[in-house]
Amino acid sequence: MSADLYADVTARIVTALERGIAPWVRPWSTGVDTFPINACTRRRYRGINVVLLAMEAQAQGYALNRWLTYRQAAALGGQVRQGERGTHVVFWKLREISAPADVDNDDNLRVVPLLRSFTVFNTAQIDGLPTGMTESLSRRPAWSGNEAAEELINAAEADIRHGGSKAFYSPGGDYVQVPPRTTFVNAAGYFATTLHELVHWTGHASRLDRQLSSRFRDEAYAAEELIAEMGSAFLCAHCRVDGQLQHVSYIGNWLRVLRNDKRAIFVASAKAQSAADFLLSRCSRFSEEEALAA
């Protein structure tokens, strides 16, 4: 990956959006499990890494979203096949640097986050792994996706009103409105739409207090919609609801935001993850599972 990780990751996502593909929609493989998971630690990848690994899994047609570093594979007795190309994921590393001389700082040091990357390989690219590494690691009970989404929505204890022909969140009234269930083509559409609006709901001052104007200025609305789309996709994956892109018309706006700001997708994905975590933590079905997430 190039030295400019922000630009490199943003370019990959922009390319997908230009093809009309939102890589965060249905971010799981065709196998049993939903999220990309480290096959050694059994911890889920989060935020922007969900998007990056989902893009690669979809592009390569991997049956499972199980990933390992080269060293992890070797420690387990596996060997990455010659010629296989790894996938880059990113993480933040805190680093102490000297503060400017004119800054009043007793220890003259400040901590700044630096973006770093490392390479992982899908288990389908590795020979010789123990059988358990190439099987589903899901420990979740087998319950229906619709039941899961219903429980998640109810646990939010939001003011959800049914009626009209439009779905929206009212910041002033602090309520979510969605059309009657019977007007949706299928249950998945209803749940995906409601979860999208609930992500907006998490941004209220009494909850996550998501302020975007200072960061995105005139593009704050487009950024909030991007956060809601990604957050609802993460939630649909948890519930195994086959969510679809809710607002295709916003793709042009998202492209403008991403092209003008190479860090925007990192900010949006982090805030989407926070919104999803907030809603999941309110639901007993998911709260224990979230405590184990990486």
C-alpha atoms as a PDB file:
ATOM      1  CA  MET A   1       0.000   0.000   0.000  1.00  0.00           C
ATOM      2  CA  SER A   2       1.261   3.487  -0.773  1.00  0.00           C
ATOM      3  CA  ALA A   3       2.641   5.835   1.854  1.00  0.00           C
ATOM      4  CA  ASP A   4      -0.587   7.855   1.730  1.00  0.00           C
ATOM      5  CA  LEU A   5      -2.974   5.331   3.260  1.00  0.00           C
ATOM      6  CA  TYR A   6      -5.861   7.776   3.340  1.00  0.00           C
ATOM      7  CA  ALA A   7      -5.674   8.443  -0.387  1.00  0.00           C
ATOM      8  CA  ASP A   8      -5.168   4.772  -1.254  1.00  0.00           C
ATOM      9  CA  VAL A   9      -8.164   3.508   0.733  1.00  0.00           C
ATOM     10  CA  THR A  10     -10.369   6.368  -0.450  1.00  0.00           C
ATOM     11  CA  ALA A  11      -9.456   5.662  -4.083  1.00  0.00           C
ATOM     12  CA  ARG A  12     -10.581   2.029  -3.733  1.00  0.00           C
ATOM     13  CA  ILE A  13     -13.937   3.027  -2.304  1.00  0.00           C
ATOM     14  CA  VAL A  14     -14.459   5.807  -4.845  1.00  0.00           C
ATOM     15  CA  THR A  15     -13.817   3.295  -7.643  1.00  0.00           C
ATOM     16  CA  ALA A  16     -16.497   0.984  -6.221  1.00  0.00           C
ATOM     17  CA  LEU A  17     -19.008   3.823  -5.854  1.00  0.00           C
ATOM     18  CA  GLU A  18     -18.338   4.940  -9.420  1.00  0.00           C
ATOM     19  CA  ARG A  19     -19.461   1.467 -10.496  1.00  0.00           C
ATOM     20  CA  GLY A  20     -22.628   1.915  -8.444  1.00  0.00           C
ATOM     21  CA  ILE A  21     -21.457  -0.463  -5.714  1.00  0.00           C
ATOM     22  CA  ALA A  22     -21.578   0.554  -2.052  1.00  0.00           C
ATOM     23  CA  PRO A  23     -18.988  -1.848  -0.569  1.00  0.00           C
ATOM     24  CA  TRP A  24     -20.415  -1.607   2.942  1.00  0.00           C
ATOM     25  CA  VAL A  25     -23.813  -3.018   1.909  1.00  0.00           C
ATOM     26  CA  ARG A  26     -24.151  -6.644   3.009  1.00  0.00           C
ATOM     27  CA  PRO A  27     -20.558  -6.693   4.335  1.00  0.00           C
ATOM     28  CA  TRP A  28     -20.236 -10.437   4.717  1.00  0.00           C
ATOM     29  CA  SER A  29     -19.234 -13.400   2.645  1.00  0.00           C
ATOM     30  CA  THR A  30     -21.489 -16.033   1.127  1.00  0.00           C
ATOM     31  CA  GLY A  31     -20.591 -18.383   3.963  1.00  0.00           C
ATOM     32  CA  VAL A  32     -22.240 -18.807   7.347  1.00  0.00           C
ATOM     33  CA  ASP A  33     -20.521 -15.985   9.215  1.00  0.00           C
ATOM     34  CA  THR A  34     -21.293 -12.327   8.779  1.00  0.00           C
ATOM     35  CA  PHE A  35     -18.337 -10.097   9.589  1.00  0.00           C
ATOM     36  CA  PRO A  36     -14.694 -10.603   8.628  1.00  0.00           C
ATOM     37  CA  ILE A  37     -12.993 -12.321  11.555  1.00  0.00           C
ATOM     38  CA  ASN A  38      -9.406 -13.077  12.458  1.00  0.00           C
ATOM     39  CA  ALA A  39      -9.348 -16.873  12.348  1.00  0.00           C
ATOM     40  CA  CYS A  40      -6.686 -17.047  15.066  1.00  0.00           C
ATOM     41  CA  THR A  41      -8.041 -14.622  17.683  1.00  0.00           C
ATOM     42  CA  ARG A  42     -11.707 -15.048  16.642  1.00  0.00           C
ATOM     43  CA  ARG A  43     -12.139 -11.299  16.932  1.00  0.00           C
ATOM     44  CA  ARG A  44     -14.081  -9.301  14.374  1.00  0.00           C
ATOM     45  CA  TYR A  45     -12.513  -6.551  12.334  1.00  0.00           C
ATOM     46  CA  ARG A  46     -14.264  -3.207  12.729  1.00  0.00           C
ATOM     47  CA  GLY A  47     -14.957   0.093  11.023  1.00  0.00           C
ATOM     48  CA  ILE A  48     -13.170   0.751   7.758  1.00  0.00           C
ATOM     49  CA  ASN A  49     -11.567  -2.715   7.859  1.00  0.00           C
ATOM     50  CA  VAL A  50     -15.029  -4.293   7.529  1.00  0.00           C
ATOM     51  CA  VAL A  51     -15.408  -2.403   4.256  1.00  0.00           C
ATOM     52  CA  LEU A  52     -11.911  -3.209   2.966  1.00  0.00           C
ATOM     53  CA  LEU A  53     -12.184  -6.933   3.673  1.00  0.00           C
ATOM     54  CA  ALA A  54     -15.756  -7.120   2.377  1.00  0.00           C
ATOM     55  CA  MET A  55     -14.616  -5.596  -0.917  1.00  0.00           C
ATOM     56  CA  GLU A  56     -11.857  -8.183  -1.262  1.00  0.00           C
ATOM     57  CA  ALA A  57     -14.044 -11.133  -0.216  1.00  0.00           C
ATOM     58  CA  GLN A  58     -16.704 -10.149  -2.740  1.00  0.00           C
ATOM     59  CA  ALA A  59     -14.177  -9.538  -5.513  1.00  0.00           C
ATOM     60  CA  GLN A  60     -12.456 -12.900  -4.995  1.00  0.00           C
ATOM     61  CA  GLY A  61     -15.569 -14.917  -4.145  1.00  0.00           C
ATOM     62  CA  TYR A  62     -14.201 -16.241  -0.858  1.00  0.00           C
ATOM     63  CA  ALA A  63     -16.617 -18.621   0.861  1.00  0.00           C
ATOM     64  CA  LEU A  64     -15.623 -17.503   4.357  1.00  0.00           C
ATOM     65  CA  ASN A  65     -14.537 -14.183   5.797  1.00  0.00           C
ATOM     66  CA  ARG A  66     -11.682 -15.676   7.828  1.00  0.00           C
ATOM     67  CA  TRP A  67      -8.344 -13.835   7.766  1.00  0.00           C
ATOM     68  CA  LEU A  68      -4.815 -14.310   9.144  1.00  0.00           C
ATOM     69  CA  THR A  69      -1.525 -12.462   9.016  1.00  0.00           C
ATOM     70  CA  TYR A  70       1.397 -14.304   7.416  1.00  0.00           C
ATOM     71  CA  ARG A  71       2.944 -14.936  10.840  1.00  0.00           C
ATOM     72  CA  GLN A  72      -0.306 -16.198  12.321  1.00  0.00           C
ATOM     73  CA  ALA A  73      -0.718 -18.628   9.446  1.00  0.00           C
ATOM     74  CA  ALA A  74       2.839 -19.908   9.870  1.00  0.00           C
ATOM     75  CA  ALA A  75       2.401 -20.323  13.630  1.00  0.00           C
ATOM     76  CA  LEU A  76      -0.629 -22.499  12.940  1.00  0.00           C
ATOM     77  CA  GLY A  77       1.310 -24.695  10.520  1.00  0.00           C
ATOM     78  CA  GLY A  78      -0.077 -23.052   7.399  1.00  0.00           C
ATOM     79  CA  GLN A  79       1.660 -21.639   4.349  1.00  0.00           C
ATOM     80  CA  VAL A  80       0.399 -18.840   2.137  1.00  0.00           C
ATOM     81  CA  ARG A  81       0.441 -20.172  -1.413  1.00  0.00           C
ATOM     82  CA  GLN A  82       3.076 -18.717  -3.706  1.00  0.00           C
ATOM     83  CA  GLY A  83       1.750 -15.851  -5.784  1.00  0.00           C
ATOM     84  CA  GLU A  84      -1.172 -15.051  -3.483  1.00  0.00           C
ATOM     85  CA  ARG A  85      -1.740 -11.342  -2.873  1.00  0.00           C
ATOM     86  CA  GLY A  86      -2.597 -10.145   0.619  1.00  0.00           C
ATOM     87  CA  THR A  87      -5.167  -7.539   1.608  1.00  0.00           C
ATOM     88  CA  HIS A  88      -4.209  -4.394   3.490  1.00  0.00           C
ATOM     89  CA  VAL A  89      -6.086  -3.402   6.631  1.00  0.00           C
ATOM     90  CA  VAL A  90      -5.363  -0.389   8.795  1.00  0.00           C
ATOM     91  CA  PHE A  91      -5.019   0.536  12.443  1.00  0.00           C
ATOM     92  CA  TRP A  92      -4.177   3.582  14.520  1.00  0.00           C
ATOM     93  CA  LYS A  93      -0.884   3.724  16.378  1.00  0.00           C
ATOM     94  CA  LEU A  94      -0.362   6.338  19.087  1.00  0.00           C
ATOM     95  CA  ARG A  95       2.968   8.103  18.965  1.00  0.00           C
ATOM     96  CA  GLU A  96       4.524  10.662  21.269  1.00  0.00           C
ATOM     97  CA  ILE A  97       6.085  13.652  19.527  1.00  0.00           C
ATOM     98  CA  SER A  98       7.707  16.823  20.793  1.00  0.00           C
ATOM     99  CA  ALA A  99       5.303  19.716  21.180  1.00  0.00           C
ATOM    100  CA  PRO A 100       6.158  23.053  19.522  1.00  0.00           C
ATOM    101  CA  ALA A 101       8.279  25.332  21.662  1.00  0.00           C
ATOM    102  CA  ASP A 102       5.479  27.892  22.006  1.00  0.00           C
ATOM    103  CA  VAL A 103       3.047  25.336  23.459  1.00  0.00           C
ATOM    104  CA  ASP A 104       2.695  25.349  27.247  1.00  0.00           C
ATOM    105  CA  ASN A 105       3.207  21.679  27.968  1.00  0.00           C
ATOM    106  CA  ASP A 106       4.960  20.471  31.108  1.00  0.00           C
ATOM    107  CA  ASP A 107       6.505  17.396  29.535  1.00  0.00           C
ATOM    108  CA  ASN A 108       6.852  18.985  26.071  1.00  0.00           C
ATOM    109  CA  LEU A 109       5.282  15.889  24.514  1.00  0.00           C
ATOM    110  CA  ARG A 110       1.952  15.219  22.878  1.00  0.00           C
ATOM    111  CA  VAL A 111       0.366  12.019  21.620  1.00  0.00           C
ATOM    112  CA  VAL A 112      -0.892  11.853  18.044  1.00  0.00           C
ATOM    113  CA  PRO A 113      -2.616   8.968  16.227  1.00  0.00           C
ATOM    114  CA  LEU A 114      -0.845   7.715  13.113  1.00  0.00           C
ATOM    115  CA  LEU A 115      -2.481   5.511  10.504  1.00  0.00           C
ATOM    116  CA  ARG A 116      -0.621   2.280   9.804  1.00  0.00           C
ATOM    117  CA  SER A 117      -1.366  -0.807   7.728  1.00  0.00           C
ATOM    118  CA  PHE A 118      -0.651  -4.522   7.796  1.00  0.00           C
ATOM    119  CA  THR A 119      -1.425  -7.406   5.466  1.00  0.00           C
ATOM    120  CA  VAL A 120      -3.819 -10.297   5.984  1.00  0.00           C
ATOM    121  CA  PHE A 121      -4.697 -13.330   3.876  1.00  0.00           C
ATOM    122  CA  ASN A 122      -7.992 -15.140   3.547  1.00  0.00           C
ATOM    123  CA  THR A 123      -7.885 -18.731   4.787  1.00  0.00           C
ATOM    124  CA  ALA A 124      -8.696 -19.790   1.220  1.00  0.00           C
ATOM    125  CA  GLN A 125      -5.220 -18.520   0.260  1.00  0.00           C
ATOM    126  CA  ILE A 126      -3.450 -20.663   2.849  1.00  0.00           C
ATOM    127  CA  ASP A 127      -2.586 -24.370   2.738  1.00  0.00           C
ATOM    128  CA  GLY A 128      -2.072 -26.645   5.736  1.00  0.00           C
ATOM    129  CA  LEU A 129      -4.261 -24.884   8.276  1.00  0.00           C
ATOM    130  CA  PRO A 130      -6.020 -26.889  10.991  1.00  0.00           C
ATOM    131  CA  THR A 131      -9.532 -27.859   9.973  1.00  0.00           C
ATOM    132  CA  GLY A 132     -11.091 -25.477  12.488  1.00  0.00           C
ATOM    133  CA  MET A 133      -9.461 -22.498  10.805  1.00  0.00           C
ATOM    134  CA  THR A 134     -11.385 -23.040   7.597  1.00  0.00           C
ATOM    135  CA  GLU A 135     -14.764 -23.701   9.181  1.00  0.00           C
ATOM    136  CA  SER A 136     -17.353 -21.252  10.451  1.00  0.00           C
ATOM    137  CA  LEU A 137     -16.401 -19.657  13.750  1.00  0.00           C
ATOM    138  CA  SER A 138     -19.855 -18.317  14.463  1.00  0.00           C
ATOM    139  CA  ARG A 139     -21.038 -18.985  18.007  1.00  0.00           C
ATOM    140  CA  ARG A 140     -24.356 -17.227  17.577  1.00  0.00           C
ATOM    141  CA  PRO A 141     -27.525 -19.291  18.098  1.00  0.00           C
ATOM    142  CA  ALA A 142     -29.553 -20.029  14.999  1.00  0.00           C
ATOM    143  CA  TRP A 143     -32.394 -17.541  15.157  1.00  0.00           C
ATOM    144  CA  SER A 144     -34.153 -15.818  12.298  1.00  0.00           C
ATOM    145  CA  GLY A 145     -32.841 -12.555  10.903  1.00  0.00           C
ATOM    146  CA  ASN A 146     -36.242 -10.901  11.160  1.00  0.00           C
ATOM    147  CA  GLU A 147     -36.546 -11.826  14.832  1.00  0.00           C
ATOM    148  CA  ALA A 148     -33.082 -10.444  15.499  1.00  0.00           C
ATOM    149  CA  ALA A 149     -33.795  -7.134  13.780  1.00  0.00           C
ATOM    150  CA  GLU A 150     -37.122  -6.826  15.577  1.00  0.00           C
ATOM    151  CA  GLU A 151     -35.424  -7.320  18.914  1.00  0.00           C
ATOM    152  CA  LEU A 152     -32.675  -4.825  18.089  1.00  0.00           C
ATOM    153  CA  ILE A 153     -35.184  -2.162  17.032  1.00  0.00           C
ATOM    154  CA  ASN A 154     -37.353  -2.666  20.113  1.00  0.00           C
ATOM    155  CA  ALA A 155     -34.346  -2.534  22.445  1.00  0.00           C
ATOM    156  CA  ALA A 156     -33.497   0.973  21.225  1.00  0.00           C
ATOM    157  CA  GLU A 157     -36.672   2.220  22.922  1.00  0.00           C
ATOM    158  CA  ALA A 158     -36.895   4.983  20.349  1.00  0.00           C
ATOM    159  CA  ASP A 159     -40.109   6.795  19.477  1.00  0.00           C
ATOM    160  CA  ILE A 160     -40.905   5.027  16.191  1.00  0.00           C
ATOM    161  CA  ARG A 161     -44.049   6.095  14.373  1.00  0.00           C
ATOM    162  CA  HIS A 162     -45.609   4.331  11.402  1.00  0.00           C
ATOM    163  CA  GLY A 163     -47.417   6.235   8.700  1.00  0.00           C
ATOM    164  CA  GLY A 164     -47.066   8.324   5.573  1.00  0.00           C
ATOM    165  CA  SER A 165     -44.966   7.447   2.558  1.00  0.00           C
ATOM    166  CA  LYS A 166     -41.504   8.617   3.670  1.00  0.00           C
ATOM    167  CA  ALA A 167     -38.956   7.391   6.178  1.00  0.00           C
ATOM    168  CA  PHE A 168     -37.100  10.012   8.209  1.00  0.00           C
ATOM    169  CA  TYR A 169     -35.717  10.996  11.594  1.00  0.00           C
ATOM    170  CA  SER A 170     -36.975  14.248  13.115  1.00  0.00           C
ATOM    171  CA  PRO A 171     -34.196  15.867  15.201  1.00  0.00           C
ATOM    172  CA  GLY A 172     -36.580  18.441  16.653  1.00  0.00           C
ATOM    173  CA  GLY A 173     -39.179  15.914  17.729  1.00  0.00           C
ATOM    174  CA  ASP A 174     -36.578  13.210  18.342  1.00  0.00           C
ATOM    175  CA  TYR A 175     -38.635  10.510  16.673  1.00  0.00           C
ATOM    176  CA  VAL A 176     -38.307   8.098  13.744  1.00  0.00           C
ATOM    177  CA  GLN A 177     -41.061   7.741  11.194  1.00  0.00           C
ATOM    178  CA  VAL A 178     -41.323   4.939   8.659  1.00  0.00           C
ATOM    179  CA  PRO A 179     -44.155   3.919   6.326  1.00  0.00           C
ATOM    180  CA  PRO A 180     -46.442   1.081   7.459  1.00  0.00           C
ATOM    181  CA  ARG A 181     -44.824  -2.347   7.235  1.00  0.00           C
ATOM    182  CA  THR A 182     -47.390  -3.502   4.702  1.00  0.00           C
ATOM    183  CA  THR A 183     -46.135  -0.943   2.176  1.00  0.00           C
ATOM    184  CA  PHE A 184     -42.668  -2.524   1.978  1.00  0.00           C
ATOM    185  CA  VAL A 185     -41.921  -5.158  -0.653  1.00  0.00           C
ATOM    186  CA  ASN A 186     -40.429  -7.437   2.002  1.00  0.00           C
ATOM    187  CA  ALA A 187     -39.461  -7.522   5.672  1.00  0.00           C
ATOM    188  CA  ALA A 188     -35.785  -6.926   4.875  1.00  0.00           C
ATOM    189  CA  GLY A 189     -36.650  -3.588   3.306  1.00  0.00           C
ATOM    190  CA  TYR A 190     -38.584  -2.517   6.380  1.00  0.00           C
ATOM    191  CA  PHE A 191     -35.846  -3.514   8.811  1.00  0.00           C
ATOM    192  CA  ALA A 192     -33.024  -1.983   6.750  1.00  0.00           C
ATOM    193  CA  THR A 193     -34.947   1.286   6.444  1.00  0.00           C
ATOM    194  CA  THR A 194     -35.785   1.423  10.148  1.00  0.00           C
ATOM    195  CA  LEU A 195     -32.191   0.679  11.151  1.00  0.00           C
ATOM    196  CA  HIS A 196     -30.992   3.430   8.806  1.00  0.00           C
ATOM    197  CA  GLU A 197     -33.227   5.943  10.578  1.00  0.00           C
ATOM    198  CA  LEU A 198     -32.187   4.635  13.994  1.00  0.00           C
ATOM    199  CA  VAL A 199     -28.561   5.372  13.132  1.00  0.00           C
ATOM    200  CA  HIS A 200     -29.651   8.984  12.534  1.00  0.00           C
ATOM    201  CA  TRP A 201     -31.438   8.808  15.913  1.00  0.00           C
ATOM    202  CA  THR A 202     -28.172   7.925  17.695  1.00  0.00           C
ATOM    203  CA  GLY A 203     -26.727  11.299  16.693  1.00  0.00           C
ATOM    204  CA  HIS A 204     -29.066  13.250  18.997  1.00  0.00           C
ATOM    205  CA  ALA A 205     -27.396  15.439  21.658  1.00  0.00           C
ATOM    206  CA  SER A 206     -28.731  13.181  24.414  1.00  0.00           C
ATOM    207  CA  ARG A 207     -27.033  10.146  22.866  1.00  0.00           C
ATOM    208  CA  LEU A 208     -23.848  10.316  20.738  1.00  0.00           C
ATOM    209  CA  ASP A 209     -24.169  14.055  20.022  1.00  0.00           C
ATOM    210  CA  ARG A 210     -22.852  13.639  16.483  1.00  0.00           C
ATOM    211  CA  GLN A 211     -21.756  17.095  15.322  1.00  0.00           C
ATOM    212  CA  LEU A 212     -20.568  17.132  11.709  1.00  0.00           C
ATOM    213  CA  SER A 213     -20.828  20.780  10.642  1.00  0.00           C
ATOM    214  CA  SER A 214     -17.386  21.814  11.862  1.00  0.00           C
ATOM    215  CA  ARG A 215     -15.748  18.785  10.203  1.00  0.00           C
ATOM    216  CA  PHE A 216     -17.673  18.600   6.925  1.00  0.00           C
ATOM    217  CA  ARG A 217     -19.170  22.111   6.674  1.00  0.00           C
ATOM    218  CA  ASP A 218     -21.482  22.259   3.628  1.00  0.00           C
ATOM    219  CA  GLU A 219     -21.188  18.495   3.148  1.00  0.00           C
ATOM    220  CA  ALA A 220     -22.449  17.656   6.665  1.00  0.00           C
ATOM    221  CA  TYR A 221     -25.792  16.341   5.375  1.00  0.00           C
ATOM    222  CA  ALA A 222     -24.139  14.034   2.839  1.00  0.00           C
ATOM    223  CA  ALA A 223     -21.692  12.855   5.511  1.00  0.00           C
ATOM    224  CA  GLU A 224     -24.545  12.063   7.915  1.00  0.00           C
ATOM    225  CA  GLU A 225     -26.312  10.035   5.221  1.00  0.00           C
ATOM    226  CA  LEU A 226     -23.085   8.151   4.527  1.00  0.00           C
ATOM    227  CA  ILE A 227     -22.781   7.353   8.245  1.00  0.00           C
ATOM    228  CA  ALA A 228     -26.398   6.162   8.361  1.00  0.00           C
ATOM    229  CA  GLU A 229     -25.911   3.944   5.298  1.00  0.00           C
ATOM    230  CA  MET A 230     -22.767   2.339   6.679  1.00  0.00           C
ATOM    231  CA  GLY A 231     -24.153   1.992  10.191  1.00  0.00           C
ATOM    232  CA  SER A 232     -27.353   0.346   9.000  1.00  0.00           C
ATOM    233  CA  ALA A 233     -25.327  -2.021   6.805  1.00  0.00           C
ATOM    234  CA  PHE A 234     -23.275  -3.092   9.837  1.00  0.00           C
ATOM    235  CA  LEU A 235     -26.490  -3.657  11.807  1.00  0.00           C
ATOM    236  CA  CYS A 236     -28.122  -5.594   8.968  1.00  0.00           C
ATOM    237  CA  ALA A 237     -25.065  -7.850   8.939  1.00  0.00           C
ATOM    238  CA  HIS A 238     -25.411  -8.508  12.661  1.00  0.00           C
ATOM    239  CA  CYS A 239     -29.067  -9.436  12.162  1.00  0.00           C
ATOM    240  CA  ARG A 240     -28.449 -11.320   8.906  1.00  0.00           C
ATOM    241  CA  VAL A 241     -30.920  -9.076   7.146  1.00  0.00           C
ATOM    242  CA  ASP A 242     -30.203  -8.737   3.433  1.00  0.00           C
ATOM    243  CA  GLY A 243     -30.160  -4.943   3.471  1.00  0.00           C
ATOM    244  CA  GLN A 244     -29.849  -3.014   0.245  1.00  0.00           C
ATOM    245  CA  LEU A 245     -28.532   0.457  -0.529  1.00  0.00           C
ATOM    246  CA  GLN A 246     -31.270   2.753   0.759  1.00  0.00           C
ATOM    247  CA  HIS A 247     -30.403   5.973  -1.038  1.00  0.00           C
ATOM    248  CA  VAL A 248     -28.859   5.358  -4.451  1.00  0.00           C
ATOM    249  CA  SER A 249     -29.365   9.027  -5.309  1.00  0.00           C
ATOM    250  CA  TYR A 250     -26.814  10.004  -2.642  1.00  0.00           C
ATOM    251  CA  ILE A 251     -23.902   8.241  -4.351  1.00  0.00           C
ATOM    252  CA  GLY A 252     -22.983  11.392  -6.263  1.00  0.00           C
ATOM    253  CA  ASN A 253     -22.914  13.398  -3.031  1.00  0.00           C
ATOM    254  CA  TRP A 254     -20.773  10.786  -1.297  1.00  0.00           C
ATOM    255  CA  LEU A 255     -18.341  10.763  -4.198  1.00  0.00           C
ATOM    256  CA  ARG A 256     -17.976  14.520  -3.925  1.00  0.00           C
ATOM    257  CA  VAL A 257     -17.271  14.270  -0.199  1.00  0.00           C
ATOM    258  CA  LEU A 258     -14.704  11.486  -0.618  1.00  0.00           C
ATOM    259  CA  ARG A 259     -12.937  13.102  -3.568  1.00  0.00           C
ATOM    260  CA  ASN A 260     -12.563  16.363  -1.673  1.00  0.00           C
ATOM    261  CA  ASP A 261     -11.476  14.824   1.624  1.00  0.00           C
ATOM    262  CA  LYS A 262      -9.284  11.727   1.712  1.00  0.00           C
ATOM    263  CA  ARG A 263      -9.925  11.262   5.443  1.00  0.00           C
ATOM    264  CA  ALA A 264     -13.719  11.458   5.194  1.00  0.00           C
ATOM    265  CA  ILE A 265     -14.329   7.712   4.804  1.00  0.00           C
ATOM    266  CA  PHE A 266     -12.282   7.013   7.945  1.00  0.00           C
ATOM    267  CA  VAL A 267     -14.279   9.531   9.969  1.00  0.00           C
ATOM    268  CA  ALA A 268     -17.592   8.269   8.558  1.00  0.00           C
ATOM    269  CA  SER A 269     -16.818   4.587   9.145  1.00  0.00           C
ATOM    270  CA  ALA A 270     -15.679   5.259  12.719  1.00  0.00           C
ATOM    271  CA  LYS A 271     -18.864   7.177  13.499  1.00  0.00           C
ATOM    272  CA  ALA A 272     -20.974   4.494  11.798  1.00  0.00           C
ATOM    273  CA  GLN A 273     -19.287   1.863  13.957  1.00  0.00           C
ATOM    274  CA  SER A 274     -19.964   3.953  17.084  1.00  0.00           C
ATOM    275  CA  ALA A 275     -23.638   4.271  16.144  1.00  0.00           C
ATOM    276  CA  ALA A 276     -23.927   0.526  15.545  1.00  0.00           C
ATOM    277  CA  ASP A 277     -22.165  -0.207  18.839  1.00  0.00           C
ATOM    278  CA  PHE A 278     -24.560   2.125  20.667  1.00  0.00           C
ATOM    279  CA  LEU A 279     -27.632   0.327  19.349  1.00  0.00           C
ATOM    280  CA  LEU A 280     -26.170  -3.151  19.794  1.00  0.00           C
ATOM    281  CA  SER A 281     -25.209  -2.404  23.404  1.00  0.00           C
ATOM    282  CA  ARG A 282     -28.853  -1.713  24.235  1.00  0.00           C
ATOM    283  CA  CYS A 283     -29.913  -5.165  23.069  1.00  0.00           C
ATOM    284  CA  SER A 284     -29.138  -8.059  25.414  1.00  0.00           C
ATOM    285  CA  ARG A 285     -28.971 -10.421  22.437  1.00  0.00           C
ATOM    286  CA  PHE A 286     -25.883  -8.616  21.136  1.00  0.00           C
ATOM    287  CA  SER A 287     -24.296  -6.833  24.106  1.00  0.00           C
ATOM    288  CA  GLU A 288     -22.199  -9.795  25.302  1.00  0.00           C
ATOM    289  CA  GLU A 289     -21.022 -10.506  21.773  1.00  0.00           C
ATOM    290  CA  GLU A 290     -19.956  -6.880  21.248  1.00  0.00           C
ATOM    291  CA  ALA A 291     -17.747  -6.998  24.315  1.00  0.00           C
ATOM    292  CA  LEU A 292     -15.583  -9.563  22.483  1.00  0.00           C
ATOM    293  CA  ALA A 293     -15.274  -7.599  19.254  1.00  0.00           C
ATOM    294  CA  ALA A 294     -11.854  -6.475  18.086  1.00  0.00           C
END
